[in-house]
């Protein structure tokens, strides 16, 4: 599944994007910083984009910055804009900052789905 020729950081980002908690843990145990970035992207952001709530909770337990912004987007904004209700609920439960703005809009401003709106309140 993973291209072992990739850098450890890229492997962590891939694992986040796939929601692969075992691979995430293996890489963190090997000394990779949970907040490692490639062009502003982190494992947490990629897990959020792809709807992996369990991976997000695990990454937060490992010390991931819940409010990290790539190009001003946070994991919460990405979960909202991608329609991942379970991820939104997980991030709200662990106190993601709902006031951070991307292009002048908060996660609540981006929410169009009633399930997501209720998860943000």
N, C-alpha and C. Protein backbone atom coordinates (compact mmCIF):
# COMPACT_ATOMS: atom_id res chain seq x y z
N UNK A 1 0.82 -1.19 0.00
CA UNK A 1 0.00 0.00 0.00
C UNK A 1 0.87 1.26 0.00
N UNK A 2 1.97 1.25 0.69
CA UNK A 2 2.82 2.42 0.80
C UNK A 2 4.08 2.25 -0.01
N UNK A 3 4.51 3.33 -0.65
CA UNK A 3 5.74 3.33 -1.43
C UNK A 3 6.89 3.60 -0.45
N UNK A 4 7.63 2.56 -0.13
CA UNK A 4 8.71 2.68 0.85
C UNK A 4 9.83 3.62 0.41
N UNK A 5 9.81 4.04 -0.87
CA UNK A 5 10.79 5.02 -1.34
C UNK A 5 10.43 6.44 -0.92
N UNK A 6 9.19 6.62 -0.45
CA UNK A 6 8.77 7.94 0.02
C UNK A 6 9.48 8.29 1.32
N UNK A 7 9.58 9.58 1.59
CA UNK A 7 10.17 10.04 2.84
C UNK A 7 9.28 9.61 4.01
N UNK A 8 9.84 9.53 5.21
CA UNK A 8 9.01 9.19 6.39
C UNK A 8 7.84 10.15 6.57
N UNK A 9 8.06 11.43 6.27
CA UNK A 9 6.97 12.41 6.40
C UNK A 9 5.85 12.07 5.41
N UNK A 10 6.22 11.78 4.16
CA UNK A 10 5.20 11.43 3.17
C UNK A 10 4.47 10.14 3.55
N UNK A 11 5.19 9.20 4.14
CA UNK A 11 4.55 7.97 4.61
C UNK A 11 3.53 8.27 5.70
N UNK A 12 3.87 9.20 6.60
CA UNK A 12 2.94 9.59 7.66
C UNK A 12 1.70 10.26 7.06
N UNK A 13 1.92 11.13 6.08
CA UNK A 13 0.78 11.80 5.45
C UNK A 13 -0.11 10.80 4.73
N UNK A 14 0.50 9.84 4.04
CA UNK A 14 -0.28 8.79 3.38
C UNK A 14 -1.09 8.00 4.39
N UNK A 15 -0.46 7.63 5.49
CA UNK A 15 -1.15 6.85 6.53
C UNK A 15 -2.32 7.65 7.09
N UNK A 16 -2.14 8.95 7.30
CA UNK A 16 -3.23 9.80 7.75
C UNK A 16 -4.37 9.82 6.74
N UNK A 17 -4.02 9.97 5.48
CA UNK A 17 -5.01 10.00 4.41
C UNK A 17 -5.79 8.71 4.26
N UNK A 18 -5.13 7.61 4.63
CA UNK A 18 -5.79 6.30 4.56
C UNK A 18 -6.46 5.92 5.88
N UNK A 19 -6.23 6.71 6.93
CA UNK A 19 -6.79 6.38 8.24
C UNK A 19 -6.15 5.16 8.86
N UNK A 20 -4.89 4.90 8.51
CA UNK A 20 -4.17 3.70 8.95
C UNK A 20 -3.49 3.95 10.30
N UNK A 21 -4.23 3.69 11.36
CA UNK A 21 -3.74 3.96 12.72
C UNK A 21 -2.48 3.17 13.03
N UNK A 22 -2.40 1.92 12.61
CA UNK A 22 -1.19 1.11 12.88
C UNK A 22 0.04 1.71 12.23
N UNK A 23 -0.08 2.14 10.97
CA UNK A 23 1.06 2.75 10.27
C UNK A 23 1.42 4.09 10.90
N UNK A 24 0.41 4.86 11.28
CA UNK A 24 0.66 6.14 11.96
C UNK A 24 1.47 5.89 13.23
N UNK A 25 1.02 4.94 14.05
CA UNK A 25 1.70 4.65 15.31
C UNK A 25 3.12 4.17 15.06
N UNK A 26 3.31 3.30 14.08
CA UNK A 26 4.64 2.78 13.74
C UNK A 26 5.59 3.93 13.38
N UNK A 27 5.11 4.87 12.58
CA UNK A 27 5.96 5.99 12.16
C UNK A 27 6.26 6.93 13.31
N UNK A 28 5.27 7.19 14.15
CA UNK A 28 5.50 8.06 15.31
C UNK A 28 6.48 7.39 16.28
N UNK A 29 6.32 6.08 16.48
CA UNK A 29 7.24 5.33 17.34
C UNK A 29 8.66 5.35 16.81
N UNK A 30 8.81 5.49 15.49
CA UNK A 30 10.15 5.52 14.89
C UNK A 30 10.79 6.91 14.99
N UNK A 31 10.04 7.89 15.52
CA UNK A 31 10.61 9.21 15.74
C UNK A 31 10.09 10.31 14.84
N UNK A 32 9.13 10.02 13.98
CA UNK A 32 8.58 11.06 13.11
C UNK A 32 7.67 11.97 13.94
N UNK A 33 7.79 13.27 13.74
CA UNK A 33 6.96 14.25 14.45
C UNK A 33 5.52 14.16 13.92
N UNK A 34 4.58 14.00 14.81
CA UNK A 34 3.17 13.86 14.44
C UNK A 34 2.66 15.09 13.67
N UNK A 35 3.32 16.23 13.85
CA UNK A 35 2.93 17.46 13.17
C UNK A 35 3.77 17.75 11.93
N UNK A 36 4.49 16.74 11.44
CA UNK A 36 5.30 16.92 10.24
C UNK A 36 4.41 17.36 9.08
N UNK A 37 5.00 18.21 8.21
CA UNK A 37 4.23 18.78 7.11
C UNK A 37 4.94 18.60 5.77
N UNK A 38 4.13 18.57 4.74
CA UNK A 38 4.62 18.67 3.37
C UNK A 38 3.71 19.69 2.70
N UNK A 39 4.27 20.84 2.37
CA UNK A 39 3.51 21.94 1.77
C UNK A 39 2.29 22.32 2.61
N UNK A 40 2.47 22.31 3.93
CA UNK A 40 1.42 22.71 4.85
C UNK A 40 0.46 21.62 5.25
N UNK A 41 0.47 20.51 4.53
CA UNK A 41 -0.43 19.40 4.84
C UNK A 41 0.15 18.55 5.97
N UNK A 42 -0.73 18.06 6.83
CA UNK A 42 -0.33 17.16 7.91
C UNK A 42 -1.18 15.89 7.83
N UNK A 43 -0.78 14.89 8.58
CA UNK A 43 -1.56 13.64 8.63
C UNK A 43 -2.97 13.93 9.13
N UNK A 44 -3.09 14.84 10.09
CA UNK A 44 -4.41 15.18 10.64
C UNK A 44 -5.31 15.81 9.57
N UNK A 45 -4.77 16.72 8.79
CA UNK A 45 -5.58 17.35 7.75
C UNK A 45 -6.02 16.33 6.70
N UNK A 46 -5.12 15.43 6.32
CA UNK A 46 -5.47 14.43 5.32
C UNK A 46 -6.48 13.42 5.86
N UNK A 47 -6.36 13.08 7.13
CA UNK A 47 -7.36 12.19 7.75
C UNK A 47 -8.72 12.89 7.76
N UNK A 48 -8.72 14.18 8.01
CA UNK A 48 -9.97 14.94 8.04
C UNK A 48 -10.61 15.03 6.66
N UNK A 49 -9.82 15.32 5.65
CA UNK A 49 -10.32 15.41 4.27
C UNK A 49 -10.99 14.09 3.85
N UNK A 50 -10.39 12.99 4.29
CA UNK A 50 -10.85 11.67 3.86
C UNK A 50 -11.82 11.00 4.82
N UNK A 51 -12.19 11.69 5.89
CA UNK A 51 -13.26 11.18 6.76
C UNK A 51 -12.86 10.11 7.75
N UNK A 52 -11.64 10.14 8.25
CA UNK A 52 -11.16 9.10 9.17
C UNK A 52 -11.17 9.59 10.62
N UNK A 53 -12.34 9.55 11.24
CA UNK A 53 -12.49 10.05 12.61
C UNK A 53 -11.60 9.33 13.61
N UNK A 54 -11.49 8.00 13.50
CA UNK A 54 -10.66 7.25 14.45
C UNK A 54 -9.19 7.65 14.34
N UNK A 55 -8.72 7.86 13.12
CA UNK A 55 -7.34 8.28 12.92
C UNK A 55 -7.12 9.67 13.50
N UNK A 56 -8.10 10.53 13.36
CA UNK A 56 -7.99 11.89 13.91
C UNK A 56 -7.88 11.84 15.43
N UNK A 57 -8.74 11.06 16.05
CA UNK A 57 -8.68 10.93 17.51
C UNK A 57 -7.33 10.38 17.95
N UNK A 58 -6.80 9.43 17.21
CA UNK A 58 -5.50 8.85 17.55
C UNK A 58 -4.38 9.89 17.36
N UNK A 59 -4.41 10.60 16.26
CA UNK A 59 -3.39 11.63 16.01
C UNK A 59 -3.41 12.72 17.09
N UNK A 60 -4.60 13.10 17.53
CA UNK A 60 -4.71 14.10 18.60
C UNK A 60 -4.10 13.56 19.90
N UNK A 61 -4.37 12.29 20.21
CA UNK A 61 -3.78 11.67 21.41
C UNK A 61 -2.26 11.66 21.33
N UNK A 62 -1.74 11.57 20.10
CA UNK A 62 -0.29 11.56 19.91
C UNK A 62 0.31 12.96 19.90
N UNK A 63 -0.54 13.98 19.99
CA UNK A 63 -0.05 15.36 20.07
C UNK A 63 -0.21 16.20 18.82
N UNK A 64 -1.01 15.74 17.86
CA UNK A 64 -1.23 16.53 16.65
C UNK A 64 -1.91 17.85 16.99
N UNK A 65 -1.53 18.89 16.29
CA UNK A 65 -2.12 20.22 16.48
C UNK A 65 -3.49 20.25 15.82
N UNK A 66 -4.52 20.23 16.64
CA UNK A 66 -5.90 20.16 16.15
C UNK A 66 -6.29 21.37 15.32
N UNK A 67 -5.64 22.51 15.55
CA UNK A 67 -6.01 23.75 14.86
C UNK A 67 -5.00 24.18 13.81
N UNK A 68 -4.12 23.28 13.39
CA UNK A 68 -3.15 23.61 12.34
C UNK A 68 -3.89 24.05 11.08
N UNK A 69 -3.35 25.05 10.43
CA UNK A 69 -3.93 25.53 9.17
C UNK A 69 -2.91 25.34 8.04
N UNK A 70 -3.37 24.77 6.93
CA UNK A 70 -2.51 24.66 5.75
C UNK A 70 -2.56 25.99 5.01
N UNK A 71 -3.44 26.14 4.09
CA UNK A 71 -3.67 27.42 3.43
C UNK A 71 -4.89 28.07 4.04
N UNK A 72 -4.83 28.21 5.34
CA UNK A 72 -5.87 28.78 6.20
C UNK A 72 -6.96 27.80 6.58
N UNK A 73 -7.01 26.61 5.98
CA UNK A 73 -8.02 25.63 6.34
C UNK A 73 -7.55 24.82 7.54
N UNK A 74 -8.50 24.49 8.41
CA UNK A 74 -8.22 23.61 9.55
C UNK A 74 -8.85 22.25 9.27
N UNK A 75 -8.53 21.28 10.12
CA UNK A 75 -9.15 19.96 9.99
C UNK A 75 -10.67 20.08 10.08
N UNK A 76 -11.15 20.96 10.95
CA UNK A 76 -12.60 21.13 11.11
C UNK A 76 -13.23 21.70 9.84
N UNK A 77 -12.64 22.72 9.28
CA UNK A 77 -13.17 23.30 8.04
C UNK A 77 -13.15 22.27 6.93
N UNK A 78 -12.07 21.51 6.83
CA UNK A 78 -11.98 20.48 5.79
C UNK A 78 -13.02 19.39 5.98
N UNK A 79 -13.27 19.00 7.23
CA UNK A 79 -14.30 17.98 7.49
C UNK A 79 -15.68 18.51 7.11
N UNK A 80 -15.94 19.77 7.43
CA UNK A 80 -17.23 20.37 7.09
C UNK A 80 -17.41 20.45 5.58
N UNK A 81 -16.40 20.97 4.89
CA UNK A 81 -16.55 21.18 3.45
C UNK A 81 -16.58 19.87 2.67
N UNK A 82 -16.08 18.79 3.28
CA UNK A 82 -16.12 17.48 2.63
C UNK A 82 -17.28 16.62 3.13
N UNK A 83 -18.12 17.17 4.02
CA UNK A 83 -19.33 16.48 4.46
C UNK A 83 -19.12 15.30 5.39
N UNK A 84 -18.05 15.31 6.17
CA UNK A 84 -17.75 14.18 7.06
C UNK A 84 -18.29 14.47 8.48
N UNK A 85 -19.55 14.14 8.68
CA UNK A 85 -20.23 14.43 9.94
C UNK A 85 -19.51 13.79 11.13
N UNK A 86 -19.09 12.52 11.02
CA UNK A 86 -18.42 11.85 12.14
C UNK A 86 -17.12 12.55 12.51
N UNK A 87 -16.40 13.04 11.52
CA UNK A 87 -15.16 13.76 11.77
C UNK A 87 -15.46 15.10 12.44
N UNK A 88 -16.48 15.80 11.96
CA UNK A 88 -16.87 17.07 12.58
C UNK A 88 -17.20 16.84 14.05
N UNK A 89 -18.00 15.82 14.33
CA UNK A 89 -18.37 15.52 15.72
C UNK A 89 -17.13 15.21 16.56
N UNK A 90 -16.21 14.42 16.02
CA UNK A 90 -14.99 14.07 16.76
C UNK A 90 -14.15 15.31 17.05
N UNK A 91 -13.99 16.17 16.07
CA UNK A 91 -13.19 17.38 16.25
C UNK A 91 -13.83 18.35 17.24
N UNK A 92 -15.15 18.50 17.17
CA UNK A 92 -15.84 19.37 18.12
C UNK A 92 -15.72 18.81 19.53
N UNK A 93 -15.86 17.49 19.65
CA UNK A 93 -15.75 16.83 20.96
C UNK A 93 -14.38 17.07 21.60
N UNK A 94 -13.34 17.15 20.78
CA UNK A 94 -11.99 17.36 21.34
C UNK A 94 -11.56 18.82 21.21
N UNK A 95 -12.56 19.69 21.13
CA UNK A 95 -12.37 21.14 21.24
C UNK A 95 -11.61 21.81 20.10
N UNK A 96 -11.88 21.43 18.87
CA UNK A 96 -11.33 22.17 17.74
C UNK A 96 -11.89 23.59 17.78
N UNK A 97 -11.06 24.55 17.48
CA UNK A 97 -11.47 25.95 17.50
C UNK A 97 -12.41 26.23 16.33
N UNK A 98 -13.65 26.54 16.65
CA UNK A 98 -14.67 26.78 15.63
C UNK A 98 -14.67 28.22 15.12
N UNK A 99 -13.80 29.06 15.70
CA UNK A 99 -13.79 30.47 15.30
C UNK A 99 -12.71 30.79 14.25
N UNK A 100 -11.83 29.84 13.96
CA UNK A 100 -10.78 30.09 12.96
C UNK A 100 -11.44 30.24 11.59
N UNK A 101 -10.95 31.23 10.84
CA UNK A 101 -11.56 31.53 9.54
C UNK A 101 -10.65 31.16 8.38
N UNK A 102 -11.28 30.76 7.29
CA UNK A 102 -10.64 30.52 6.00
C UNK A 102 -11.41 31.40 5.02
N UNK A 103 -10.71 32.33 4.41
CA UNK A 103 -11.34 33.27 3.47
C UNK A 103 -12.53 33.98 4.12
N UNK A 104 -12.37 34.33 5.39
CA UNK A 104 -13.40 35.07 6.11
C UNK A 104 -14.55 34.24 6.63
N UNK A 105 -14.49 32.91 6.46
CA UNK A 105 -15.59 32.05 6.89
C UNK A 105 -15.12 31.04 7.93
N UNK A 106 -15.97 30.81 8.92
CA UNK A 106 -15.71 29.78 9.92
C UNK A 106 -16.30 28.45 9.42
N UNK A 107 -16.04 27.39 10.15
CA UNK A 107 -16.62 26.08 9.80
C UNK A 107 -18.14 26.17 9.75
N UNK A 108 -18.73 26.90 10.69
CA UNK A 108 -20.18 27.04 10.72
C UNK A 108 -20.69 27.75 9.46
N UNK A 109 -19.94 28.74 8.98
CA UNK A 109 -20.32 29.44 7.75
C UNK A 109 -20.32 28.50 6.55
N UNK A 110 -19.40 27.54 6.54
CA UNK A 110 -19.29 26.59 5.43
C UNK A 110 -20.34 25.47 5.51
N UNK A 111 -20.88 25.25 6.68
CA UNK A 111 -21.80 24.12 6.87
C UNK A 111 -23.12 24.34 6.12
N UNK A 112 -23.47 23.37 5.30
CA UNK A 112 -24.71 23.43 4.54
C UNK A 112 -25.65 22.29 4.91
N UNK A 113 -25.07 21.24 5.42
CA UNK A 113 -25.78 20.00 5.74
C UNK A 113 -26.34 20.10 7.16
N UNK A 114 -27.61 19.76 7.35
CA UNK A 114 -28.23 19.86 8.68
C UNK A 114 -27.51 19.01 9.72
N UNK A 115 -27.01 17.84 9.33
CA UNK A 115 -26.28 16.98 10.27
C UNK A 115 -24.99 17.65 10.73
N UNK A 116 -24.33 18.31 9.80
CA UNK A 116 -23.09 19.01 10.16
C UNK A 116 -23.41 20.23 11.01
N UNK A 117 -24.45 20.97 10.65
CA UNK A 117 -24.84 22.12 11.46
C UNK A 117 -25.12 21.72 12.90
N UNK A 118 -25.83 20.62 13.09
CA UNK A 118 -26.15 20.19 14.46
C UNK A 118 -24.89 19.72 15.18
N UNK A 119 -23.94 19.15 14.47
CA UNK A 119 -22.68 18.69 15.10
C UNK A 119 -21.84 19.87 15.57
N UNK A 120 -21.97 21.01 14.92
CA UNK A 120 -21.19 22.19 15.28
C UNK A 120 -21.80 22.97 16.44
N UNK A 121 -23.02 22.68 16.81
CA UNK A 121 -23.68 23.44 17.86
C UNK A 121 -23.58 22.77 19.20
